[in-house]
C-alpha atoms as a PDB file:
ATOM      1  CA  MET A   1     -18.724 -44.662   1.002  1.00  0.00           C
ATOM      2  CA  ASN A   2     -16.172 -45.430   3.708  1.00  0.00           C
ATOM      3  CA  GLU A   3     -15.786 -49.170   4.019  1.00  0.00           C
ATOM      4  CA  HIS A   4     -15.042 -48.976   7.649  1.00  0.00           C
ATOM      5  CA  ALA A   5     -18.181 -46.866   8.513  1.00  0.00           C
ATOM      6  CA  GLY A   6     -20.130 -50.041   9.760  1.00  0.00           C
ATOM      7  CA  HIS A   7     -17.454 -50.764  12.351  1.00  0.00           C
ATOM      8  CA  ARG A   8     -17.084 -47.131  13.459  1.00  0.00           C
ATOM      9  CA  ALA A   9     -20.723 -47.019  13.983  1.00  0.00           C
ATOM     10  CA  ARG A  10     -20.704 -50.128  16.082  1.00  0.00           C
ATOM     11  CA  LEU A  11     -17.905 -48.689  18.220  1.00  0.00           C
ATOM     12  CA  ARG A  12     -19.954 -45.418  18.948  1.00  0.00           C
ATOM     13  CA  GLU A  13     -23.065 -47.617  19.528  1.00  0.00           C
ATOM     14  CA  SER A  14     -21.029 -49.760  22.050  1.00  0.00           C
ATOM     15  CA  TYR A  15     -19.928 -46.677  23.791  1.00  0.00           C
ATOM     16  CA  ARG A  16     -23.376 -45.157  23.933  1.00  0.00           C
ATOM     17  CA  GLU A  17     -24.800 -48.461  25.503  1.00  0.00           C
ATOM     18  CA  LYS A  18     -22.004 -49.735  27.751  1.00  0.00           C
ATOM     19  CA  GLY A  19     -19.798 -46.679  28.455  1.00  0.00           C
ATOM     20  CA  ILE A  20     -16.060 -46.847  28.551  1.00  0.00           C
ATOM     21  CA  GLU A  21     -16.244 -49.598  31.454  1.00  0.00           C
ATOM     22  CA  GLY A  22     -17.851 -51.994  28.969  1.00  0.00           C
ATOM     23  CA  MET A  23     -15.194 -51.567  26.372  1.00  0.00           C
ATOM     24  CA  ALA A  24     -11.620 -53.180  26.041  1.00  0.00           C
ATOM     25  CA  ASP A  25      -8.757 -51.001  25.696  1.00  0.00           C
ATOM     26  CA  HIS A  26      -8.255 -51.725  21.973  1.00  0.00           C
ATOM     27  CA  GLN A  27     -11.872 -50.690  21.465  1.00  0.00           C
ATOM     28  CA  VAL A  28     -11.596 -47.470  23.159  1.00  0.00           C
ATOM     29  CA  LEU A  29      -8.315 -46.748  21.383  1.00  0.00           C
ATOM     30  CA  GLU A  30     -10.098 -47.445  18.045  1.00  0.00           C
ATOM     31  CA  LEU A  31     -12.906 -45.263  18.757  1.00  0.00           C
ATOM     32  CA  LEU A  32     -10.489 -42.523  19.692  1.00  0.00           C
ATOM     33  CA  LEU A  33      -8.496 -43.084  16.404  1.00  0.00           C
ATOM     34  CA  THR A  34     -11.618 -42.748  14.212  1.00  0.00           C
ATOM     35  CA  TYR A  35     -11.605 -39.036  15.144  1.00  0.00           C
ATOM     36  CA  ALA A  36      -8.088 -38.537  14.132  1.00  0.00           C
ATOM     37  CA  LEU A  37      -7.972 -40.802  11.102  1.00  0.00           C
ATOM     38  CA  PRO A  38     -11.439 -40.760   9.180  1.00  0.00           C
ATOM     39  CA  ARG A  39     -10.436 -42.944   6.338  1.00  0.00           C
ATOM     40  CA  VAL A  40      -8.130 -45.468   7.791  1.00  0.00           C
ATOM     41  CA  ASP A  41      -8.757 -49.040   9.345  1.00  0.00           C
ATOM     42  CA  VAL A  42      -7.840 -48.165  12.886  1.00  0.00           C
ATOM     43  CA  ASN A  43      -8.149 -51.688  14.455  1.00  0.00           C
ATOM     44  CA  PRO A  44      -4.617 -53.036  13.470  1.00  0.00           C
ATOM     45  CA  LEU A  45      -2.970 -49.523  14.487  1.00  0.00           C
ATOM     46  CA  ALA A  46      -4.763 -49.705  17.886  1.00  0.00           C
ATOM     47  CA  HIS A  47      -3.347 -53.047  18.367  1.00  0.00           C
ATOM     48  CA  ARG A  48       0.189 -51.888  17.377  1.00  0.00           C
ATOM     49  CA  LEU A  49      -0.014 -49.122  19.810  1.00  0.00           C
ATOM     50  CA  LEU A  50      -1.091 -51.386  22.704  1.00  0.00           C
ATOM     51  CA  ASP A  51       1.778 -53.905  21.748  1.00  0.00           C
ATOM     52  CA  ARG A  52       4.225 -50.950  21.845  1.00  0.00           C
ATOM     53  CA  PHE A  53       3.143 -49.290  25.104  1.00  0.00           C
ATOM     54  CA  GLY A  54       1.410 -52.006  26.875  1.00  0.00           C
ATOM     55  CA  SER A  55      -1.816 -50.242  28.001  1.00  0.00           C
ATOM     56  CA  LEU A  56      -4.198 -47.562  27.136  1.00  0.00           C
ATOM     57  CA  ASN A  57      -2.858 -45.411  29.874  1.00  0.00           C
ATOM     58  CA  GLU A  58       0.604 -45.673  28.571  1.00  0.00           C
ATOM     59  CA  VAL A  59      -0.407 -44.897  25.090  1.00  0.00           C
ATOM     60  CA  LEU A  60      -2.108 -41.661  26.235  1.00  0.00           C
ATOM     61  CA  SER A  61       0.803 -40.924  28.460  1.00  0.00           C
ATOM     62  CA  ALA A  62       3.267 -41.064  25.532  1.00  0.00           C
ATOM     63  CA  ARG A  63       4.846 -38.073  23.922  1.00  0.00           C
ATOM     64  CA  PRO A  64       3.922 -37.380  20.269  1.00  0.00           C
ATOM     65  CA  ASP A  65       7.408 -38.246  18.922  1.00  0.00           C
ATOM     66  CA  GLN A  66       7.153 -41.745  20.805  1.00  0.00           C
ATOM     67  CA  LEU A  67       3.693 -42.380  19.311  1.00  0.00           C
ATOM     68  CA  GLN A  68       4.998 -41.399  15.857  1.00  0.00           C
ATOM     69  CA  GLN A  69       7.522 -44.373  15.965  1.00  0.00           C
ATOM     70  CA  VAL A  70       4.589 -46.626  15.620  1.00  0.00           C
ATOM     71  CA  GLN A  71       3.735 -47.682  11.929  1.00  0.00           C
ATOM     72  CA  GLY A  72       0.722 -45.794  10.895  1.00  0.00           C
ATOM     73  CA  VAL A  73       0.708 -42.906  13.320  1.00  0.00           C
ATOM     74  CA  GLY A  74       1.199 -39.633  11.840  1.00  0.00           C
ATOM     75  CA  GLU A  75       1.531 -36.189  13.375  1.00  0.00           C
ATOM     76  CA  SER A  76      -2.086 -35.408  13.727  1.00  0.00           C
ATOM     77  CA  ALA A  77      -2.993 -38.689  15.420  1.00  0.00           C
ATOM     78  CA  ALA A  78       0.090 -38.359  17.703  1.00  0.00           C
ATOM     79  CA  VAL A  79      -0.926 -34.945  18.823  1.00  0.00           C
ATOM     80  CA  PHE A  80      -4.477 -36.005  19.266  1.00  0.00           C
ATOM     81  CA  LEU A  81      -3.659 -38.992  21.587  1.00  0.00           C
ATOM     82  CA  SER A  82      -1.082 -37.052  23.545  1.00  0.00           C
ATOM     83  CA  LEU A  83      -3.345 -34.204  23.996  1.00  0.00           C
ATOM     84  CA  LEU A  84      -6.109 -36.453  25.303  1.00  0.00           C
ATOM     85  CA  GLY A  85      -3.607 -37.670  28.159  1.00  0.00           C
ATOM     86  CA  GLN A  86      -2.738 -34.158  28.942  1.00  0.00           C
ATOM     87  CA  VAL A  87      -6.409 -32.965  29.215  1.00  0.00           C
ATOM     88  CA  ASP A  88      -7.014 -35.939  31.627  1.00  0.00           C
ATOM     89  CA  ARG A  89      -3.917 -34.959  33.710  1.00  0.00           C
ATOM     90  CA  ARG A  90      -5.091 -31.392  33.882  1.00  0.00           C
ATOM     91  CA  MET A  91      -8.711 -32.267  34.774  1.00  0.00           C
ATOM     92  CA  LEU A  92      -7.401 -34.516  37.746  1.00  0.00           C
ATOM     93  CA  LEU A  93      -5.121 -31.688  38.879  1.00  0.00           C
ATOM     94  CA  GLN A  94      -8.184 -29.174  38.776  1.00  0.00           C
ATOM     95  CA  ARG A  95     -10.329 -31.608  40.734  1.00  0.00           C
ATOM     96  CA  PHE A  96      -7.802 -31.980  43.574  1.00  0.00           C
ATOM     97  CA  SER A  97      -6.975 -28.192  43.601  1.00  0.00           C
ATOM     98  CA  GLY A  98     -10.625 -26.979  43.646  1.00  0.00           C
ATOM     99  CA  HIS A  99     -10.022 -25.143  40.414  1.00  0.00           C
ATOM    100  CA  THR A 100      -8.279 -22.269  42.220  1.00  0.00           C
ATOM    101  CA  LYS A 101      -5.384 -20.284  40.934  1.00  0.00           C
ATOM    102  CA  ARG A 102      -3.494 -21.442  44.058  1.00  0.00           C
ATOM    103  CA  PRO A 103      -4.406 -24.750  45.047  1.00  0.00           C
ATOM    104  CA  ILE A 104      -4.864 -25.373  48.839  1.00  0.00           C
ATOM    105  CA  LEU A 105      -3.302 -28.731  49.703  1.00  0.00           C
ATOM    106  CA  GLY A 106      -3.783 -29.061  53.424  1.00  0.00           C
ATOM    107  CA  THR A 107      -5.186 -32.404  53.796  1.00  0.00           C
ATOM    108  CA  PRO A 108      -3.597 -35.965  53.026  1.00  0.00           C
ATOM    109  CA  SER A 109      -6.069 -36.638  50.279  1.00  0.00           C
ATOM    110  CA  THR A 110      -5.811 -33.343  48.550  1.00  0.00           C
ATOM    111  CA  LEU A 111      -1.959 -33.207  48.804  1.00  0.00           C
ATOM    112  CA  GLY A 112      -1.536 -36.913  47.851  1.00  0.00           C
ATOM    113  CA  GLY A 113      -4.143 -36.687  45.129  1.00  0.00           C
ATOM    114  CA  TYR A 114      -2.454 -33.607  43.677  1.00  0.00           C
ATOM    115  CA  MET A 115       1.044 -35.221  43.692  1.00  0.00           C
ATOM    116  CA  LEU A 116      -0.468 -38.433  42.067  1.00  0.00           C
ATOM    117  CA  ALA A 117      -1.901 -36.485  39.282  1.00  0.00           C
ATOM    118  CA  LEU A 118       1.363 -34.479  38.883  1.00  0.00           C
ATOM    119  CA  GLY A 119       3.243 -37.919  38.326  1.00  0.00           C
ATOM    120  CA  LEU A 120       0.534 -39.556  36.176  1.00  0.00           C
ATOM    121  CA  GLN A 121       2.674 -39.502  33.139  1.00  0.00           C
ATOM    122  CA  ASP A 122       6.165 -40.094  34.723  1.00  0.00           C
ATOM    123  CA  ARG A 123       7.613 -43.051  32.810  1.00  0.00           C
ATOM    124  CA  TYR A 124      10.940 -42.880  34.682  1.00  0.00           C
ATOM    125  CA  GLU A 125      11.738 -42.613  38.328  1.00  0.00           C
ATOM    126  CA  THR A 126      10.962 -38.894  39.057  1.00  0.00           C
ATOM    127  CA  LEU A 127      11.444 -36.895  42.281  1.00  0.00           C
ATOM    128  CA  ARG A 128       8.948 -33.945  42.546  1.00  0.00           C
ATOM    129  CA  LEU A 129       8.670 -31.194  45.037  1.00  0.00           C
ATOM    130  CA  VAL A 130       5.742 -28.925  45.951  1.00  0.00           C
ATOM    131  CA  CYS A 131       6.276 -25.944  48.117  1.00  0.00           C
ATOM    132  CA  LEU A 132       3.422 -24.477  50.198  1.00  0.00           C
ATOM    133  CA  ASN A 133       2.945 -21.216  52.072  1.00  0.00           C
ATOM    134  CA  LYS A 134       1.726 -20.867  55.702  1.00  0.00           C
ATOM    135  CA  LYS A 135      -1.888 -21.298  54.320  1.00  0.00           C
ATOM    136  CA  TYR A 136      -1.058 -24.507  52.678  1.00  0.00           C
ATOM    137  CA  GLU A 137      -1.426 -22.836  49.227  1.00  0.00           C
ATOM    138  CA  LEU A 138       0.714 -24.094  46.312  1.00  0.00           C
ATOM    139  CA  ILE A 139       3.538 -21.686  45.563  1.00  0.00           C
ATOM    140  CA  TYR A 140       5.788 -24.039  43.511  1.00  0.00           C
ATOM    141  CA  GLU A 141       5.846 -27.435  41.977  1.00  0.00           C
ATOM    142  CA  GLY A 142       8.566 -29.073  39.982  1.00  0.00           C
ATOM    143  CA  VAL A 143      10.827 -31.820  39.073  1.00  0.00           C
ATOM    144  CA  VAL A 144      13.943 -32.048  41.198  1.00  0.00           C
ATOM    145  CA  SER A 145      15.517 -35.077  39.414  1.00  0.00           C
ATOM    146  CA  SER A 146      14.455 -37.666  36.761  1.00  0.00           C
ATOM    147  CA  GLY A 147      16.057 -40.991  35.817  1.00  0.00           C
ATOM    148  CA  SER A 148      18.484 -42.130  38.528  1.00  0.00           C
ATOM    149  CA  LEU A 149      17.607 -40.546  41.919  1.00  0.00           C
ATOM    150  CA  THR A 150      20.323 -42.026  43.930  1.00  0.00           C
ATOM    151  CA  GLU A 151      22.380 -39.041  44.277  1.00  0.00           C
ATOM    152  CA  VAL A 152      19.632 -36.516  44.761  1.00  0.00           C
ATOM    153  CA  LEU A 153      18.014 -38.885  47.535  1.00  0.00           C
ATOM    154  CA  ALA A 154      21.372 -39.141  49.324  1.00  0.00           C
ATOM    155  CA  ASP A 155      21.790 -35.309  49.374  1.00  0.00           C
ATOM    156  CA  PRO A 156      18.834 -33.131  50.375  1.00  0.00           C
ATOM    157  CA  ARG A 157      20.472 -29.941  49.310  1.00  0.00           C
ATOM    158  CA  PRO A 158      18.767 -29.594  45.876  1.00  0.00           C
ATOM    159  CA  VAL A 159      15.386 -29.975  47.621  1.00  0.00           C
ATOM    160  CA  LEU A 160      16.096 -27.434  50.382  1.00  0.00           C
ATOM    161  CA  GLU A 161      17.719 -24.897  47.966  1.00  0.00           C
ATOM    162  CA  THR A 162      14.558 -24.912  45.864  1.00  0.00           C
ATOM    163  CA  ALA A 163      12.379 -24.542  48.832  1.00  0.00           C
ATOM    164  CA  LEU A 164      14.325 -21.602  50.191  1.00  0.00           C
ATOM    165  CA  VAL A 165      14.274 -19.919  46.895  1.00  0.00           C
ATOM    166  CA  HIS A 166      10.660 -19.952  46.815  1.00  0.00           C
ATOM    167  CA  LYS A 167      10.202 -19.165  50.660  1.00  0.00           C
ATOM    168  CA  ALA A 168       8.220 -22.219  51.412  1.00  0.00           C
ATOM    169  CA  CYS A 169       6.874 -22.903  54.899  1.00  0.00           C
ATOM    170  CA  PHE A 170       5.959 -26.318  54.023  1.00  0.00           C
ATOM    171  CA  ILE A 171       7.082 -28.875  51.506  1.00  0.00           C
ATOM    172  CA  ALA A 172       5.997 -32.265  50.191  1.00  0.00           C
ATOM    173  CA  LEU A 173       7.829 -34.789  47.885  1.00  0.00           C
ATOM    174  CA  SER A 174       6.919 -37.801  45.903  1.00  0.00           C
ATOM    175  CA  HIS A 175       8.958 -40.177  43.645  1.00  0.00           C
ATOM    176  CA  ASN A 176       7.367 -42.820  41.600  1.00  0.00           C
ATOM    177  CA  HIS A 177       8.369 -46.705  41.365  1.00  0.00           C
ATOM    178  CA  PRO A 178       7.868 -47.567  37.751  1.00  0.00           C
ATOM    179  CA  SER A 179       7.317 -51.094  38.821  1.00  0.00           C
ATOM    180  CA  GLY A 180       4.285 -50.120  40.632  1.00  0.00           C
ATOM    181  CA  ASP A 181       5.373 -51.556  43.950  1.00  0.00           C
ATOM    182  CA  LEU A 182       4.811 -48.994  46.675  1.00  0.00           C
ATOM    183  CA  THR A 183       6.944 -50.664  49.245  1.00  0.00           C
ATOM    184  CA  PRO A 184       9.666 -48.238  50.379  1.00  0.00           C
ATOM    185  CA  SER A 185      13.233 -49.528  50.171  1.00  0.00           C
ATOM    186  CA  ARG A 186      15.807 -48.968  52.880  1.00  0.00           C
ATOM    187  CA  GLU A 187      17.307 -46.240  50.764  1.00  0.00           C
ATOM    188  CA  ASP A 188      13.927 -44.481  50.353  1.00  0.00           C
ATOM    189  CA  GLU A 189      13.381 -44.744  54.126  1.00  0.00           C
ATOM    190  CA  ALA A 190      16.823 -43.251  54.872  1.00  0.00           C
ATOM    191  CA  ALA A 191      16.531 -40.585  52.338  1.00  0.00           C
ATOM    192  CA  ALA A 192      13.051 -39.517  53.734  1.00  0.00           C
ATOM    193  CA  LEU A 193      14.587 -39.204  57.198  1.00  0.00           C
ATOM    194  CA  ARG A 194      17.457 -37.198  55.846  1.00  0.00           C
ATOM    195  CA  ILE A 195      15.175 -34.687  54.008  1.00  0.00           C
ATOM    196  CA  GLU A 196      12.936 -34.202  57.018  1.00  0.00           C
ATOM    197  CA  THR A 197      15.889 -33.647  59.439  1.00  0.00           C
ATOM    198  CA  ALA A 198      17.619 -31.117  56.981  1.00  0.00           C
ATOM    199  CA  ALA A 199      14.189 -29.214  56.422  1.00  0.00           C
ATOM    200  CA  GLU A 200      13.485 -28.960  60.161  1.00  0.00           C
ATOM    201  CA  ALA A 201      16.921 -27.617  60.634  1.00  0.00           C
ATOM    202  CA  VAL A 202      16.241 -24.582  58.372  1.00  0.00           C
ATOM    203  CA  GLY A 203      12.680 -24.019  59.725  1.00  0.00           C
ATOM    204  CA  ILE A 204      10.770 -25.793  56.878  1.00  0.00           C
ATOM    205  CA  GLY A 205       7.959 -28.409  57.703  1.00  0.00           C
ATOM    206  CA  VAL A 206       7.746 -31.557  55.649  1.00  0.00           C
ATOM    207  CA  LEU A 207       4.106 -32.422  55.386  1.00  0.00           C
ATOM    208  CA  ASP A 208       4.703 -35.804  53.838  1.00  0.00           C
ATOM    209  CA  GLN A 209       6.724 -37.762  51.342  1.00  0.00           C
ATOM    210  CA  PHE A 210       5.097 -40.298  48.925  1.00  0.00           C
ATOM    211  CA  ILE A 211       5.925 -43.259  46.765  1.00  0.00           C
ATOM    212  CA  LEU A 212       3.607 -43.041  43.770  1.00  0.00           C
ATOM    213  CA  GLY A 213       1.876 -46.038  41.892  1.00  0.00           C
ATOM    214  CA  ARG A 214      -0.763 -45.790  39.191  1.00  0.00           C
ATOM    215  CA  ASP A 215      -3.892 -45.164  41.249  1.00  0.00           C
ATOM    216  CA  ALA A 216      -2.344 -45.261  44.789  1.00  0.00           C
ATOM    217  CA  LEU A 217       0.509 -43.997  46.947  1.00  0.00           C
ATOM    218  CA  TYR A 218       2.346 -44.778  50.169  1.00  0.00           C
ATOM    219  CA  SER A 219       2.529 -41.993  52.604  1.00  0.00           C
ATOM    220  CA  PHE A 220       5.777 -41.924  54.721  1.00  0.00           C
ATOM    221  CA  ARG A 221       3.928 -39.778  57.248  1.00  0.00           C
ATOM    222  CA  SER A 222       1.129 -42.274  58.119  1.00  0.00           C
ATOM    223  CA  GLN A 223       2.947 -45.406  56.805  1.00  0.00           C
ATOM    224  CA  ARG A 224      -0.177 -46.287  54.980  1.00  0.00           C
ATOM    225  CA  VAL A 225      -1.509 -46.541  51.374  1.00  0.00           C
ATOM    226  CA  LEU A 226      -4.033 -44.202  49.870  1.00  0.00           C
ATOM    227  CA  LEU A 227      -6.051 -45.583  47.067  1.00  0.00           C
ATOM    228  CA  PHE A 228      -7.601 -43.144  44.760  1.00  0.00           C
ATOM    229  CA  SER A 229     -10.762 -44.700  43.134  1.00  0.00           C
ATOM    230  CA  ALA A 230     -11.998 -41.243  42.195  1.00  0.00           C
ATOM    231  CA  PRO A 231     -11.034 -37.789  43.397  1.00  0.00           C
ATOM    232  CA  ASP A 232     -13.757 -37.904  46.019  1.00  0.00           C
ATOM    233  CA  LEU A 233     -13.291 -41.582  46.914  1.00  0.00           C
ATOM    234  CA  VAL A 234      -9.989 -42.329  48.746  1.00  0.00           C
ATOM    235  CA  THR A 235      -9.420 -45.569  50.657  1.00  0.00           C
ATOM    236  CA  ASP A 236      -6.808 -45.754  53.434  1.00  0.00           C
ATOM    237  CA  MET A 237      -5.144 -49.136  53.967  1.00  0.00           C
ATOM    238  CA  THR A 238      -1.857 -50.840  54.943  1.00  0.00           C
ATOM    239  CA  LEU A 239       0.689 -52.043  52.450  1.00  0.00           C
ATOM    240  CA  GLY A 240      -0.292 -55.530  53.071  1.00  0.00           C
ATOM    241  CA  GLU A 241      -3.984 -54.857  52.457  1.00  0.00           C
ATOM    242  CA  TYR A 242      -3.066 -53.259  49.218  1.00  0.00           C
ATOM    243  CA  GLY A 243      -0.908 -56.111  48.175  1.00  0.00           C
ATOM    244  CA  GLN A 244      -3.681 -58.632  48.789  1.00  0.00           C
ATOM    245  CA  ARG A 245      -6.041 -56.282  46.738  1.00  0.00           C
ATOM    246  CA  GLY A 246      -3.432 -56.612  43.853  1.00  0.00           C
ATOM    247  CA  ARG A 247      -3.615 -60.407  44.055  1.00  0.00           C
ATOM    248  CA  GLY A 248      -7.294 -60.370  43.864  1.00  0.00           C
ATOM    249  CA  SER A 249      -7.675 -61.987  47.300  1.00  0.00           C
END
């Protein structure tokens, strides 16, 4: 008989009674690991993963090779955890895109939500571009640059070249701040203006440019924050209001 069966049964019962909201991160991770490692005490492993990556979200956002660097995580467990994160990302994209082959991103919430979902697992500063046709249908999405964005933000040519290749009528861009701070820097503001001016010169409209956080984004177009509590629940607020929320006041 599996000596850990009692603990596993209690984890399942806890989930049935409380749901995921009533469980700590390490308990959720333990429960997930029981399905990948049926005969292992997963409690120490869950804590090692959280110590290494910092949160459940970061664990599920990690690549399999990164997960396998943690003692006790083999290939099967690493693929299983990574797959869960990718499934979550795909589900978010489908919710915001309406499950269509060509997502229609014509509103601030659908456009912003889609780009937030795209950048969900970006661990380094990443500049993303989406190209839309005249019906606001997605015709291309991709990463323009990752790591250091200083050069590409200073020169909009890579963005415009990509947009022209795909015959875009409209574009939108996003880059994440790994710190979670949505406040645009002076460099961000200057780059946003350069990109918009250059795009207009070649007849391409810039719908918006975003700074991404974990569950929210800053819109350069509206100069406000969109907080996504759920795909159909979006709160519009100022940067100051968002900052006060983060301090719990």
